[in-house]
Each structure stands twice: as structure tokens, then as C-alpha cells.
């Protein structure tokens, strides 16, 4: 029954104010900016509260030693370079150019965190729209475990920043050729920073061929391969130390010359128990709950090709799902 007087308009619905706000320009962008500021503020706070971890000093100090030419990368009887070159050289360059110390390294992590979030927002806005981008920024801004990890001067925040900008440059339909080229070079630098990112390259190149065609795919393959080859050439053969640590000893006896002895008195050699491994798995689910839940939900509803009207979005989904696995 309508109790309003004749000629009187019905009162606005309870959600009308929300709809009106949502239709205003830049509201989603303002919310994204507020979420980004919250993320940076928490990063800055935790960078001053968290105690230092061993990896921070190793990346920063070894990188400084290499940049100041006190030692050469992978030299015998020098610092143990158990990571790829740019894992040391990038934080080392910050130490070399500015004041050496943990504070400088953590300020650099703060800069990388902001750059990561910017690339993430650009990518999310392109793929899902302005409101999805705002929502995802807030999901990251409320993930305290992730923010703590990205507040340290370790390679996780560096790799996250590099990876998200690779995706921001190449994902989507009709990307400019120069952006795909830049993303291909950056993908090569991913491998030159952390060896466990090597699987990104083949998945990345398959997507480029599938989404952008053979010509662009060949260009991307050439640029990524050249980046990896040049880095390996510059640090050959010492860089084989990293592969000696990564690949099974029984399958790669030709790398024994670059391996450390199996038993070194006093060396740190933890043997995780089954309980430790299970704890690590459940901690991963706790720290990355939003991301894991989103991937699970997307996989349930998105793997059926007939449900996708846009072929480009489907290719992007398959690429991101494969990259996640």
C-alpha cells in the first residue's frame, strides 16, 4: 500500500545514497588512495618496529661489498653468493648511492612497496574496473602479515614489485609494443634476481604468443632470452654456484666444483620436521588468505570456457591461474 500523497514522489530507497556516491567521479580513486596511504603508513610503522632478520644484512652488506669492488661476485674465498646477482646488486646499489645501513634498506623497501601497490592498482583497474581496484587495494592494506613482510629489506618486496609491473605492462588486449618489450626485459631481470622465478618466463612467453600473436611473441622471447643470457655471461661461470644449490646433486655432478662441501662444521643446516612443514603450509594460508580464497573462487567459476564472452579475459585468467600454480 502506498501511503504517499497524490503527486508526491516515493522516498528514496535505503541504498540510494550509496548508489549516488558510487556514481560520483573519482570516489573509487579516492578510496584507493586512502587505502594506499594506510598501506604505506603501516609499512613505515613496521619498518621501525620489526627486529632485523639475517637475510636483510646479507643482501645489503654483500651488495655493498660488490658495488664498492671490495669483492667480486661469486669469487672463491669471498662472501658466499648463494643468490642471483641482482638479488644483491639492487639493494647494494641503494647502500652505495645513499647512506649504508639497515634504515636505508628499509626505506627502499618502503619505496618498493608503494611502487608495487601502484602497479597492482593499475593492473586491477584495467582488468576489473575502478571499484574492483579499490577493493583489492584495501584487501592488501588490511593484510598485516603481508605488510610486515614487505617492510623488511629482503628480496620478497623487490620481486613482488618487479612481477606486478611485468603483469601491468603486458596483461590485457592491444597492449603497446613498447610496454610488452619492457615487460619482457623486466621478466628476464626477475630470473636474474631470484632463481625460483625461472618458471615465470615460459608461462609468460606462452601467454604473449597466445594473446598478442607470433610477431610480438618472438620479440618478447628474444628480449627475455637476451636479458638472461647477458646476465649469465657477465657472471659466468661463478653464477653456477646458484644452480649447484638449486639442482639435485645426483643429477648434476658437473656442478660439484661450485658446490660447498656436504658437511661443514658449525654450518647452519636446519632439517625441518613434518610438523614444521605442516605449520609452514597453514601459516601460508593464514598470511595469504584473501589471495588463496580469490584464486579458489575464480577457479570454481572461471575454468569453463563457454562462460567467457571475452577471449582476451579468458586468456588472462588462464595465464594468471597457471602463474599462481
C-alpha atoms as a PDB file:
ATOM      1  CA  UNK A   1       0.000   0.000   0.000  1.00  0.00           C
ATOM      2  CA  UNK A   2       1.390   3.397  -0.990  1.00  0.00           C
ATOM      3  CA  UNK A   3       0.849   5.919   1.838  1.00  0.00           C
ATOM      4  CA  UNK A   4       2.318   8.919  -0.033  1.00  0.00           C
ATOM      5  CA  UNK A   5       0.033  11.744  -1.023  1.00  0.00           C
ATOM      6  CA  UNK A   6      -1.133  12.041  -4.644  1.00  0.00           C
ATOM      7  CA  UNK A   7       1.582  13.549  -6.821  1.00  0.00           C
ATOM      8  CA  UNK A   8       4.233  13.031  -4.125  1.00  0.00           C
ATOM      9  CA  UNK A   9       7.331  11.061  -5.129  1.00  0.00           C
ATOM     10  CA  UNK A  10       8.266   7.909  -3.247  1.00  0.00           C
ATOM     11  CA  UNK A  11      11.037   8.409  -0.666  1.00  0.00           C
ATOM     12  CA  UNK A  12      14.467   7.328  -1.845  1.00  0.00           C
ATOM     13  CA  UNK A  13      15.496   3.769  -1.093  1.00  0.00           C
ATOM     14  CA  UNK A  14      17.875   2.939   1.715  1.00  0.00           C
ATOM     15  CA  UNK A  15      20.689   2.255  -0.733  1.00  0.00           C
ATOM     16  CA  UNK A  16      20.118   5.330  -2.864  1.00  0.00           C
ATOM     17  CA  UNK A  17      22.786   7.343  -1.032  1.00  0.00           C
ATOM     18  CA  UNK A  18      25.335   4.606  -1.661  1.00  0.00           C
ATOM     19  CA  UNK A  19      24.350   4.489  -5.333  1.00  0.00           C
ATOM     20  CA  UNK A  20      24.639   8.252  -5.619  1.00  0.00           C
ATOM     21  CA  UNK A  21      28.095   8.236  -4.033  1.00  0.00           C
ATOM     22  CA  UNK A  22      29.165   5.391  -6.299  1.00  0.00           C
ATOM     23  CA  UNK A  23      28.166   7.361  -9.376  1.00  0.00           C
ATOM     24  CA  UNK A  24      30.273  10.374  -8.423  1.00  0.00           C
ATOM     25  CA  UNK A  25      33.557  10.696 -10.302  1.00  0.00           C
ATOM     26  CA  UNK A  26      36.810   9.754  -8.580  1.00  0.00           C
ATOM     27  CA  UNK A  27      35.188   8.267  -5.450  1.00  0.00           C
ATOM     28  CA  UNK A  28      36.756   4.865  -6.169  1.00  0.00           C
ATOM     29  CA  UNK A  29      40.107   6.504  -6.863  1.00  0.00           C
ATOM     30  CA  UNK A  30      39.924   8.469  -3.601  1.00  0.00           C
ATOM     31  CA  UNK A  31      39.175   5.272  -1.678  1.00  0.00           C
ATOM     32  CA  UNK A  32      42.095   3.590  -3.422  1.00  0.00           C
ATOM     33  CA  UNK A  33      44.351   6.488  -2.441  1.00  0.00           C
ATOM     34  CA  UNK A  34      43.225   6.263   1.198  1.00  0.00           C
ATOM     35  CA  UNK A  35      43.929   2.519   1.168  1.00  0.00           C
ATOM     36  CA  UNK A  36      47.348   3.160  -0.353  1.00  0.00           C
ATOM     37  CA  UNK A  37      48.179   5.741   2.315  1.00  0.00           C
ATOM     38  CA  UNK A  38      47.119   3.260   5.001  1.00  0.00           C
ATOM     39  CA  UNK A  39      49.367   0.619   3.435  1.00  0.00           C
ATOM     40  CA  UNK A  40      52.391   2.969   3.326  1.00  0.00           C
ATOM     41  CA  UNK A  41      51.749   4.212   6.872  1.00  0.00           C
ATOM     42  CA  UNK A  42      51.689   0.657   8.220  1.00  0.00           C
ATOM     43  CA  UNK A  43      54.783  -0.233   6.210  1.00  0.00           C
ATOM     44  CA  UNK A  44      56.622   2.762   7.653  1.00  0.00           C
ATOM     45  CA  UNK A  45      55.496   1.865  11.172  1.00  0.00           C
ATOM     46  CA  UNK A  46      56.552  -1.767  10.955  1.00  0.00           C
ATOM     47  CA  UNK A  47      59.861  -0.832   9.328  1.00  0.00           C
ATOM     48  CA  UNK A  48      60.718   0.884  12.640  1.00  0.00           C
ATOM     49  CA  UNK A  49      59.234  -1.778  14.935  1.00  0.00           C
ATOM     50  CA  UNK A  50      60.294  -5.112  13.472  1.00  0.00           C
ATOM     51  CA  UNK A  51      63.623  -6.595  14.571  1.00  0.00           C
ATOM     52  CA  UNK A  52      66.201  -7.258  11.892  1.00  0.00           C
ATOM     53  CA  UNK A  53      66.469 -10.683  10.296  1.00  0.00           C
ATOM     54  CA  UNK A  54      69.598 -12.362   8.963  1.00  0.00           C
ATOM     55  CA  UNK A  55      68.672 -12.051   5.283  1.00  0.00           C
ATOM     56  CA  UNK A  56      68.465  -8.254   5.473  1.00  0.00           C
ATOM     57  CA  UNK A  57      72.088  -7.824   6.450  1.00  0.00           C
ATOM     58  CA  UNK A  58      73.273 -10.407   3.939  1.00  0.00           C
ATOM     59  CA  UNK A  59      71.583  -8.745   0.977  1.00  0.00           C
ATOM     60  CA  UNK A  60      72.571  -5.231   1.984  1.00  0.00           C
ATOM     61  CA  UNK A  61      76.138  -5.822   3.139  1.00  0.00           C
ATOM     62  CA  UNK A  62      77.134  -8.259   0.409  1.00  0.00           C
ATOM     63  CA  UNK A  63      75.671  -5.966  -2.230  1.00  0.00           C
ATOM     64  CA  UNK A  64      77.650  -3.055  -0.813  1.00  0.00           C
ATOM     65  CA  UNK A  65      80.860  -5.116  -0.859  1.00  0.00           C
ATOM     66  CA  UNK A  66      80.302  -5.995  -4.513  1.00  0.00           C
ATOM     67  CA  UNK A  67      79.392  -2.472  -5.620  1.00  0.00           C
ATOM     68  CA  UNK A  68      82.386  -0.978  -3.817  1.00  0.00           C
ATOM     69  CA  UNK A  69      84.585  -3.602  -5.537  1.00  0.00           C
ATOM     70  CA  UNK A  70      85.984  -4.978  -2.326  1.00  0.00           C
ATOM     71  CA  UNK A  71      84.940  -8.391  -3.597  1.00  0.00           C
ATOM     72  CA  UNK A  72      83.770  -9.777  -6.924  1.00  0.00           C
ATOM     73  CA  UNK A  73      80.514 -11.619  -7.276  1.00  0.00           C
ATOM     74  CA  UNK A  74      80.916 -15.410  -6.870  1.00  0.00           C
ATOM     75  CA  UNK A  75      84.667 -15.222  -6.320  1.00  0.00           C
ATOM     76  CA  UNK A  76      86.335 -18.062  -4.460  1.00  0.00           C
ATOM     77  CA  UNK A  77      87.179 -17.277  -0.817  1.00  0.00           C
ATOM     78  CA  UNK A  78      84.809 -14.336  -0.928  1.00  0.00           C
ATOM     79  CA  UNK A  79      81.313 -13.842   0.524  1.00  0.00           C
ATOM     80  CA  UNK A  80      79.035 -16.772  -0.224  1.00  0.00           C
ATOM     81  CA  UNK A  81      76.874 -15.577  -3.134  1.00  0.00           C
ATOM     82  CA  UNK A  82      74.068 -18.091  -2.900  1.00  0.00           C
ATOM     83  CA  UNK A  83      71.548 -15.942  -4.803  1.00  0.00           C
ATOM     84  CA  UNK A  84      71.245 -14.498  -8.292  1.00  0.00           C
ATOM     85  CA  UNK A  85      73.254 -11.311  -8.990  1.00  0.00           C
ATOM     86  CA  UNK A  86      70.570  -8.643  -8.806  1.00  0.00           C
ATOM     87  CA  UNK A  87      69.306 -10.017  -5.501  1.00  0.00           C
ATOM     88  CA  UNK A  88      72.486  -8.489  -4.072  1.00  0.00           C
ATOM     89  CA  UNK A  89      73.296  -5.708  -6.519  1.00  0.00           C
ATOM     90  CA  UNK A  90      69.981  -3.822  -6.369  1.00  0.00           C
ATOM     91  CA  UNK A  91      69.906  -3.396  -2.557  1.00  0.00           C
ATOM     92  CA  UNK A  92      73.680  -2.928  -2.653  1.00  0.00           C
ATOM     93  CA  UNK A  93      73.313  -0.053  -5.120  1.00  0.00           C
ATOM     94  CA  UNK A  94      70.954   1.720  -2.714  1.00  0.00           C
ATOM     95  CA  UNK A  95      73.546   1.288   0.041  1.00  0.00           C
ATOM     96  CA  UNK A  96      76.314   2.515  -2.230  1.00  0.00           C
ATOM     97  CA  UNK A  97      74.459   5.584  -3.519  1.00  0.00           C
ATOM     98  CA  UNK A  98      72.971   6.616  -0.186  1.00  0.00           C
ATOM     99  CA  UNK A  99      73.910   6.056   3.439  1.00  0.00           C
ATOM    100  CA  UNK A 100      74.825   2.421   4.253  1.00  0.00           C
ATOM    101  CA  UNK A 101      72.699   0.846   6.941  1.00  0.00           C
ATOM    102  CA  UNK A 102      69.521  -1.018   7.711  1.00  0.00           C
ATOM    103  CA  UNK A 103      67.447   2.173   7.748  1.00  0.00           C
ATOM    104  CA  UNK A 104      68.322   2.900   4.123  1.00  0.00           C
ATOM    105  CA  UNK A 105      67.409  -0.655   3.131  1.00  0.00           C
ATOM    106  CA  UNK A 106      64.037  -0.440   4.824  1.00  0.00           C
ATOM    107  CA  UNK A 107      63.273   2.938   3.288  1.00  0.00           C
ATOM    108  CA  UNK A 108      63.993   1.341  -0.071  1.00  0.00           C
ATOM    109  CA  UNK A 109      61.542  -1.442   0.848  1.00  0.00           C
ATOM    110  CA  UNK A 110      59.006   1.298   1.620  1.00  0.00           C
ATOM    111  CA  UNK A 111      59.548   2.779  -1.842  1.00  0.00           C
ATOM    112  CA  UNK A 112      59.220  -0.649  -3.477  1.00  0.00           C
ATOM    113  CA  UNK A 113      56.018  -1.333  -1.529  1.00  0.00           C
ATOM    114  CA  UNK A 114      54.439   1.863  -2.820  1.00  0.00           C
ATOM    115  CA  UNK A 115      55.564   1.111  -6.368  1.00  0.00           C
ATOM    116  CA  UNK A 116      54.163  -2.417  -6.046  1.00  0.00           C
ATOM    117  CA  UNK A 117      50.784  -1.130  -4.890  1.00  0.00           C
ATOM    118  CA  UNK A 118      50.648   1.427  -7.722  1.00  0.00           C
ATOM    119  CA  UNK A 119      51.315  -1.245 -10.344  1.00  0.00           C
ATOM    120  CA  UNK A 120      48.787  -3.530  -8.662  1.00  0.00           C
ATOM    121  CA  UNK A 121      46.126  -0.810  -8.762  1.00  0.00           C
ATOM    122  CA  UNK A 122      46.796  -0.038 -12.438  1.00  0.00           C
ATOM    123  CA  UNK A 123      46.524  -3.717 -13.326  1.00  0.00           C
ATOM    124  CA  UNK A 124      43.384  -4.308 -11.248  1.00  0.00           C
ATOM    125  CA  UNK A 125      41.704  -1.214 -12.676  1.00  0.00           C
ATOM    126  CA  UNK A 126      42.390  -2.332 -16.241  1.00  0.00           C
ATOM    127  CA  UNK A 127      41.160  -5.883 -15.707  1.00  0.00           C
ATOM    128  CA  UNK A 128      38.274  -5.353 -13.275  1.00  0.00           C
ATOM    129  CA  UNK A 129      37.388  -1.667 -13.178  1.00  0.00           C
ATOM    130  CA  UNK A 130      37.858   1.153 -10.708  1.00  0.00           C
ATOM    131  CA  UNK A 131      35.767  -0.322  -7.889  1.00  0.00           C
ATOM    132  CA  UNK A 132      37.436  -3.732  -8.021  1.00  0.00           C
ATOM    133  CA  UNK A 133      40.786  -1.953  -7.958  1.00  0.00           C
ATOM    134  CA  UNK A 134      39.761  -0.031  -4.832  1.00  0.00           C
ATOM    135  CA  UNK A 135      38.557  -3.225  -3.146  1.00  0.00           C
ATOM    136  CA  UNK A 136      41.790  -5.091  -3.896  1.00  0.00           C
ATOM    137  CA  UNK A 137      43.924  -2.201  -2.637  1.00  0.00           C
ATOM    138  CA  UNK A 138      42.060  -2.355   0.650  1.00  0.00           C
ATOM    139  CA  UNK A 139      42.470  -6.134   0.817  1.00  0.00           C
ATOM    140  CA  UNK A 140      46.229  -5.587   0.686  1.00  0.00           C
ATOM    141  CA  UNK A 141      46.116  -2.619   3.070  1.00  0.00           C
ATOM    142  CA  UNK A 142      44.376  -4.820   5.667  1.00  0.00           C
ATOM    143  CA  UNK A 143      46.764  -7.766   5.291  1.00  0.00           C
ATOM    144  CA  UNK A 144      49.115  -7.122   8.198  1.00  0.00           C
ATOM    145  CA  UNK A 145      51.212 -10.244   7.613  1.00  0.00           C
ATOM    146  CA  UNK A 146      51.962  -9.163   4.043  1.00  0.00           C
ATOM    147  CA  UNK A 147      52.762  -5.604   5.105  1.00  0.00           C
ATOM    148  CA  UNK A 148      55.214  -6.846   7.728  1.00  0.00           C
ATOM    149  CA  UNK A 149      56.969  -8.978   5.118  1.00  0.00           C
ATOM    150  CA  UNK A 150      57.206  -6.041   2.722  1.00  0.00           C
ATOM    151  CA  UNK A 151      58.568  -3.756   5.458  1.00  0.00           C
ATOM    152  CA  UNK A 152      61.864  -5.664   5.608  1.00  0.00           C
ATOM    153  CA  UNK A 153      64.893  -5.114   3.367  1.00  0.00           C
ATOM    154  CA  UNK A 154      64.584  -8.557   1.771  1.00  0.00           C
ATOM    155  CA  UNK A 155      64.006  -9.688  -1.791  1.00  0.00           C
ATOM    156  CA  UNK A 156      60.311 -10.559  -1.377  1.00  0.00           C
ATOM    157  CA  UNK A 157      59.139  -6.975  -1.795  1.00  0.00           C
ATOM    158  CA  UNK A 158      61.599  -6.429  -4.657  1.00  0.00           C
ATOM    159  CA  UNK A 159      60.331  -9.482  -6.542  1.00  0.00           C
ATOM    160  CA  UNK A 160      56.685  -8.608  -5.855  1.00  0.00           C
ATOM    161  CA  UNK A 161      57.259  -5.131  -7.288  1.00  0.00           C
ATOM    162  CA  UNK A 162      59.038  -6.445 -10.384  1.00  0.00           C
ATOM    163  CA  UNK A 163      56.455  -9.157 -11.024  1.00  0.00           C
ATOM    164  CA  UNK A 164      53.422  -6.906 -10.691  1.00  0.00           C
ATOM    165  CA  UNK A 165      54.935  -4.427 -13.157  1.00  0.00           C
ATOM    166  CA  UNK A 166      55.625  -7.244 -15.627  1.00  0.00           C
ATOM    167  CA  UNK A 167      51.921  -8.059 -15.420  1.00  0.00           C
ATOM    168  CA  UNK A 168      50.854  -4.417 -15.571  1.00  0.00           C
ATOM    169  CA  UNK A 169      52.852  -3.923 -18.761  1.00  0.00           C
ATOM    170  CA  UNK A 170      51.684  -6.980 -20.717  1.00  0.00           C
ATOM    171  CA  UNK A 171      48.295  -8.153 -19.461  1.00  0.00           C
ATOM    172  CA  UNK A 172      45.232  -7.316 -21.497  1.00  0.00           C
ATOM    173  CA  UNK A 173      44.296  -6.856 -25.121  1.00  0.00           C
ATOM    174  CA  UNK A 174      46.097  -4.495 -27.531  1.00  0.00           C
ATOM    175  CA  UNK A 175      48.960  -3.592 -25.236  1.00  0.00           C
ATOM    176  CA  UNK A 176      51.508  -1.193 -26.805  1.00  0.00           C
ATOM    177  CA  UNK A 177      54.505  -2.999 -28.273  1.00  0.00           C
ATOM    178  CA  UNK A 178      56.981  -0.941 -26.241  1.00  0.00           C
ATOM    179  CA  UNK A 179      55.268  -1.951 -22.995  1.00  0.00           C
ATOM    180  CA  UNK A 180      55.403  -5.630 -23.932  1.00  0.00           C
ATOM    181  CA  UNK A 181      59.091  -5.215 -24.816  1.00  0.00           C
ATOM    182  CA  UNK A 182      59.793  -3.521 -21.482  1.00  0.00           C
ATOM    183  CA  UNK A 183      57.823  -6.202 -19.640  1.00  0.00           C
ATOM    184  CA  UNK A 184      59.829  -8.909 -21.408  1.00  0.00           C
ATOM    185  CA  UNK A 185      63.132  -7.383 -20.312  1.00  0.00           C
ATOM    186  CA  UNK A 186      61.821  -6.998 -16.765  1.00  0.00           C
ATOM    187  CA  UNK A 187      60.762 -10.669 -16.801  1.00  0.00           C
ATOM    188  CA  UNK A 188      64.364 -11.541 -17.610  1.00  0.00           C
ATOM    189  CA  UNK A 189      65.518  -9.475 -14.639  1.00  0.00           C
ATOM    190  CA  UNK A 190      63.135 -11.480 -12.444  1.00  0.00           C
ATOM    191  CA  UNK A 191      65.239 -14.577 -13.082  1.00  0.00           C
ATOM    192  CA  UNK A 192      68.425 -12.547 -12.589  1.00  0.00           C
ATOM    193  CA  UNK A 193      67.128 -11.590  -9.127  1.00  0.00           C
ATOM    194  CA  UNK A 194      65.699 -14.872  -7.830  1.00  0.00           C
ATOM    195  CA  UNK A 195      66.248 -18.268  -9.430  1.00  0.00           C
ATOM    196  CA  UNK A 196      62.896 -19.579  -8.188  1.00  0.00           C
ATOM    197  CA  UNK A 197      61.186 -17.167 -10.602  1.00  0.00           C
ATOM    198  CA  UNK A 198      62.558 -19.072 -13.604  1.00  0.00           C
ATOM    199  CA  UNK A 199      59.200 -20.742 -14.283  1.00  0.00           C
ATOM    200  CA  UNK A 200      57.655 -17.323 -14.875  1.00  0.00           C
ATOM    201  CA  UNK A 201      59.493 -16.996 -18.205  1.00  0.00           C
ATOM    202  CA  UNK A 202      57.963 -19.925 -20.160  1.00  0.00           C
ATOM    203  CA  UNK A 203      54.448 -19.230 -18.814  1.00  0.00           C
ATOM    204  CA  UNK A 204      54.874 -15.543 -19.608  1.00  0.00           C
ATOM    205  CA  UNK A 205      56.063 -16.202 -23.176  1.00  0.00           C
ATOM    206  CA  UNK A 206      53.290 -18.704 -23.894  1.00  0.00           C
ATOM    207  CA  UNK A 207      50.784 -16.057 -22.863  1.00  0.00           C
ATOM    208  CA  UNK A 208      52.424 -13.432 -25.100  1.00  0.00           C
ATOM    209  CA  UNK A 209      52.216 -15.746 -28.131  1.00  0.00           C
ATOM    210  CA  UNK A 210      48.603 -16.658 -27.317  1.00  0.00           C
ATOM    211  CA  UNK A 211      47.378 -13.153 -26.555  1.00  0.00           C
ATOM    212  CA  UNK A 212      49.481 -10.883 -28.752  1.00  0.00           C
ATOM    213  CA  UNK A 213      50.474 -13.053 -31.715  1.00  0.00           C
ATOM    214  CA  UNK A 214      53.581 -14.671 -33.136  1.00  0.00           C
ATOM    215  CA  UNK A 215      55.427 -11.476 -34.103  1.00  0.00           C
ATOM    216  CA  UNK A 216      55.152  -9.896 -30.643  1.00  0.00           C
ATOM    217  CA  UNK A 217      55.850 -13.307 -29.099  1.00  0.00           C
ATOM    218  CA  UNK A 218      59.141 -13.630 -30.978  1.00  0.00           C
ATOM    219  CA  UNK A 219      60.168 -10.125 -29.917  1.00  0.00           C
ATOM    220  CA  UNK A 220      59.320 -10.896 -26.285  1.00  0.00           C
ATOM    221  CA  UNK A 221      61.206 -14.201 -26.427  1.00  0.00           C
ATOM    222  CA  UNK A 222      64.290 -12.525 -27.901  1.00  0.00           C
ATOM    223  CA  UNK A 223      64.353  -9.747 -25.309  1.00  0.00           C
ATOM    224  CA  UNK A 224      63.778 -12.034 -22.312  1.00  0.00           C
ATOM    225  CA  UNK A 225      66.366 -14.537 -23.539  1.00  0.00           C
ATOM    226  CA  UNK A 226      68.935 -11.821 -24.251  1.00  0.00           C
ATOM    227  CA  UNK A 227      68.471 -10.357 -20.768  1.00  0.00           C
ATOM    228  CA  UNK A 228      69.018 -13.736 -19.106  1.00  0.00           C
ATOM    229  CA  UNK A 229      71.957 -14.633 -21.391  1.00  0.00           C
ATOM    230  CA  UNK A 230      73.736 -11.301 -20.894  1.00  0.00           C
ATOM    231  CA  UNK A 231      73.451 -11.538 -17.095  1.00  0.00           C
ATOM    232  CA  UNK A 232      74.756 -15.116 -17.104  1.00  0.00           C
ATOM    233  CA  UNK A 233      77.607 -14.163 -19.436  1.00  0.00           C
ATOM    234  CA  UNK A 234      78.689 -11.308 -17.172  1.00  0.00           C
ATOM    235  CA  UNK A 235      78.873 -13.587 -14.132  1.00  0.00           C
ATOM    236  CA  UNK A 236      79.970 -16.844 -15.810  1.00  0.00           C
ATOM    237  CA  UNK A 237      80.991 -19.366 -14.531  1.00  0.00           C
ATOM    238  CA  UNK A 238      80.613 -18.293 -10.905  1.00  0.00           C
ATOM    239  CA  UNK A 239      76.845 -17.976 -11.268  1.00  0.00           C
ATOM    240  CA  UNK A 240      76.746 -21.782 -11.454  1.00  0.00           C
ATOM    241  CA  UNK A 241      77.015 -21.696  -7.637  1.00  0.00           C
ATOM    242  CA  UNK A 242      73.319 -20.764  -7.568  1.00  0.00           C
ATOM    243  CA  UNK A 243      72.339 -23.670  -9.809  1.00  0.00           C
ATOM    244  CA  UNK A 244      74.514 -26.022  -7.767  1.00  0.00           C
ATOM    245  CA  UNK A 245      72.408 -25.117  -4.733  1.00  0.00           C
ATOM    246  CA  UNK A 246      69.130 -25.466  -6.609  1.00  0.00           C
ATOM    247  CA  UNK A 247      69.514 -28.595  -8.750  1.00  0.00           C
ATOM    248  CA  UNK A 248      69.803 -32.130  -7.293  1.00  0.00           C
ATOM    249  CA  UNK A 249      73.384 -33.234  -6.650  1.00  0.00           C
ATOM    250  CA  UNK A 250      72.805 -36.709  -8.103  1.00  0.00           C
ATOM    251  CA  UNK A 251      71.518 -35.333 -11.423  1.00  0.00           C
ATOM    252  CA  UNK A 252      74.164 -32.614 -11.861  1.00  0.00           C
ATOM    253  CA  UNK A 253      77.609 -33.974 -10.929  1.00  0.00           C
ATOM    254  CA  UNK A 254      79.181 -31.475 -13.357  1.00  0.00           C
ATOM    255  CA  UNK A 255      78.249 -28.727 -10.854  1.00  0.00           C
ATOM    256  CA  UNK A 256      80.191 -30.267  -7.958  1.00  0.00           C
ATOM    257  CA  UNK A 257      83.056 -27.816  -8.452  1.00  0.00           C
ATOM    258  CA  UNK A 258      80.679 -24.986  -7.465  1.00  0.00           C
ATOM    259  CA  UNK A 259      79.131 -26.785  -4.503  1.00  0.00           C
ATOM    260  CA  UNK A 260      80.101 -26.354  -0.888  1.00  0.00           C
ATOM    261  CA  UNK A 261      81.200 -29.499   0.953  1.00  0.00           C
ATOM    262  CA  UNK A 262      78.314 -31.598   2.218  1.00  0.00           C
ATOM    263  CA  UNK A 263      79.389 -31.205   5.824  1.00  0.00           C
ATOM    264  CA  UNK A 264      80.966 -28.058   7.161  1.00  0.00           C
ATOM    265  CA  UNK A 265      81.486 -27.946  10.962  1.00  0.00           C
ATOM    266  CA  UNK A 266      79.316 -25.274  12.500  1.00  0.00           C
ATOM    267  CA  UNK A 267      77.378 -24.542   9.298  1.00  0.00           C
ATOM    268  CA  UNK A 268      73.701 -23.691   9.542  1.00  0.00           C
ATOM    269  CA  UNK A 269      71.898 -26.741   8.180  1.00  0.00           C
ATOM    270  CA  UNK A 270      68.337 -26.962   9.516  1.00  0.00           C
ATOM    271  CA  UNK A 271      66.337 -30.142   8.989  1.00  0.00           C
ATOM    272  CA  UNK A 272      62.624 -29.243   9.140  1.00  0.00           C
ATOM    273  CA  UNK A 273      60.342 -31.824  10.709  1.00  0.00           C
ATOM    274  CA  UNK A 274      56.960 -32.870   9.352  1.00  0.00           C
ATOM    275  CA  UNK A 275      55.336 -30.687  11.999  1.00  0.00           C
ATOM    276  CA  UNK A 276      57.377 -27.680  10.820  1.00  0.00           C
ATOM    277  CA  UNK A 277      56.335 -28.286   7.227  1.00  0.00           C
ATOM    278  CA  UNK A 278      52.641 -28.516   8.130  1.00  0.00           C
ATOM    279  CA  UNK A 279      52.942 -25.349  10.209  1.00  0.00           C
ATOM    280  CA  UNK A 280      54.505 -23.581   7.238  1.00  0.00           C
ATOM    281  CA  UNK A 281      51.629 -24.633   4.960  1.00  0.00           C
ATOM    282  CA  UNK A 282      48.937 -23.426   7.365  1.00  0.00           C
ATOM    283  CA  UNK A 283      50.844 -20.205   8.017  1.00  0.00           C
ATOM    284  CA  UNK A 284      50.836 -19.608   4.261  1.00  0.00           C
ATOM    285  CA  UNK A 285      47.054 -19.964   4.196  1.00  0.00           C
ATOM    286  CA  UNK A 286      46.740 -17.582   7.119  1.00  0.00           C
ATOM    287  CA  UNK A 287      49.063 -14.932   5.707  1.00  0.00           C
ATOM    288  CA  UNK A 288      47.652 -15.056   2.176  1.00  0.00           C
ATOM    289  CA  UNK A 289      44.022 -15.943   2.907  1.00  0.00           C
ATOM    290  CA  UNK A 290      42.426 -13.343   0.618  1.00  0.00           C
ATOM    291  CA  UNK A 291      44.594 -14.277  -2.347  1.00  0.00           C
ATOM    292  CA  UNK A 292      44.124 -18.020  -1.918  1.00  0.00           C
ATOM    293  CA  UNK A 293      40.375 -17.671  -1.398  1.00  0.00           C
ATOM    294  CA  UNK A 294      40.124 -15.474  -4.508  1.00  0.00           C
ATOM    295  CA  UNK A 295      42.030 -17.980  -6.643  1.00  0.00           C
ATOM    296  CA  UNK A 296      39.881 -20.859  -5.370  1.00  0.00           C
ATOM    297  CA  UNK A 297      36.664 -18.939  -6.092  1.00  0.00           C
ATOM    298  CA  UNK A 298      37.856 -17.881  -9.545  1.00  0.00           C
ATOM    299  CA  UNK A 299      38.901 -21.425 -10.416  1.00  0.00           C
ATOM    300  CA  UNK A 300      35.458 -22.774  -9.500  1.00  0.00           C
ATOM    301  CA  UNK A 301      33.608 -20.289 -11.698  1.00  0.00           C
ATOM    302  CA  UNK A 302      36.162 -19.417 -14.347  1.00  0.00           C
ATOM    303  CA  UNK A 303      37.607 -22.590 -15.809  1.00  0.00           C
ATOM    304  CA  UNK A 304      34.659 -23.215 -18.139  1.00  0.00           C
ATOM    305  CA  UNK A 305      35.469 -21.558 -21.462  1.00  0.00           C
ATOM    306  CA  UNK A 306      31.851 -21.220 -22.577  1.00  0.00           C
ATOM    307  CA  UNK A 307      31.104 -18.848 -19.703  1.00  0.00           C
ATOM    308  CA  UNK A 308      33.535 -16.248 -21.049  1.00  0.00           C
ATOM    309  CA  UNK A 309      32.351 -13.735 -23.627  1.00  0.00           C
ATOM    310  CA  UNK A 310      35.726 -12.003 -23.876  1.00  0.00           C
ATOM    311  CA  UNK A 311      38.510 -14.243 -25.215  1.00  0.00           C
ATOM    312  CA  UNK A 312      41.181 -11.832 -24.006  1.00  0.00           C
ATOM    313  CA  UNK A 313      39.916 -12.010 -20.422  1.00  0.00           C
ATOM    314  CA  UNK A 314      39.841 -15.807 -20.609  1.00  0.00           C
ATOM    315  CA  UNK A 315      43.466 -15.918 -21.780  1.00  0.00           C
ATOM    316  CA  UNK A 316      44.449 -13.572 -18.969  1.00  0.00           C
ATOM    317  CA  UNK A 317      42.644 -15.785 -16.470  1.00  0.00           C
ATOM    318  CA  UNK A 318      44.409 -18.928 -17.691  1.00  0.00           C
ATOM    319  CA  UNK A 319      47.784 -17.158 -17.563  1.00  0.00           C
ATOM    320  CA  UNK A 320      47.278 -15.855 -14.012  1.00  0.00           C
ATOM    321  CA  UNK A 321      45.918 -19.203 -12.818  1.00  0.00           C
ATOM    322  CA  UNK A 322      48.920 -21.036 -14.320  1.00  0.00           C
ATOM    323  CA  UNK A 323      51.305 -18.493 -12.821  1.00  0.00           C
ATOM    324  CA  UNK A 324      49.719 -18.967  -9.414  1.00  0.00           C
ATOM    325  CA  UNK A 325      50.146 -22.748  -9.612  1.00  0.00           C
END
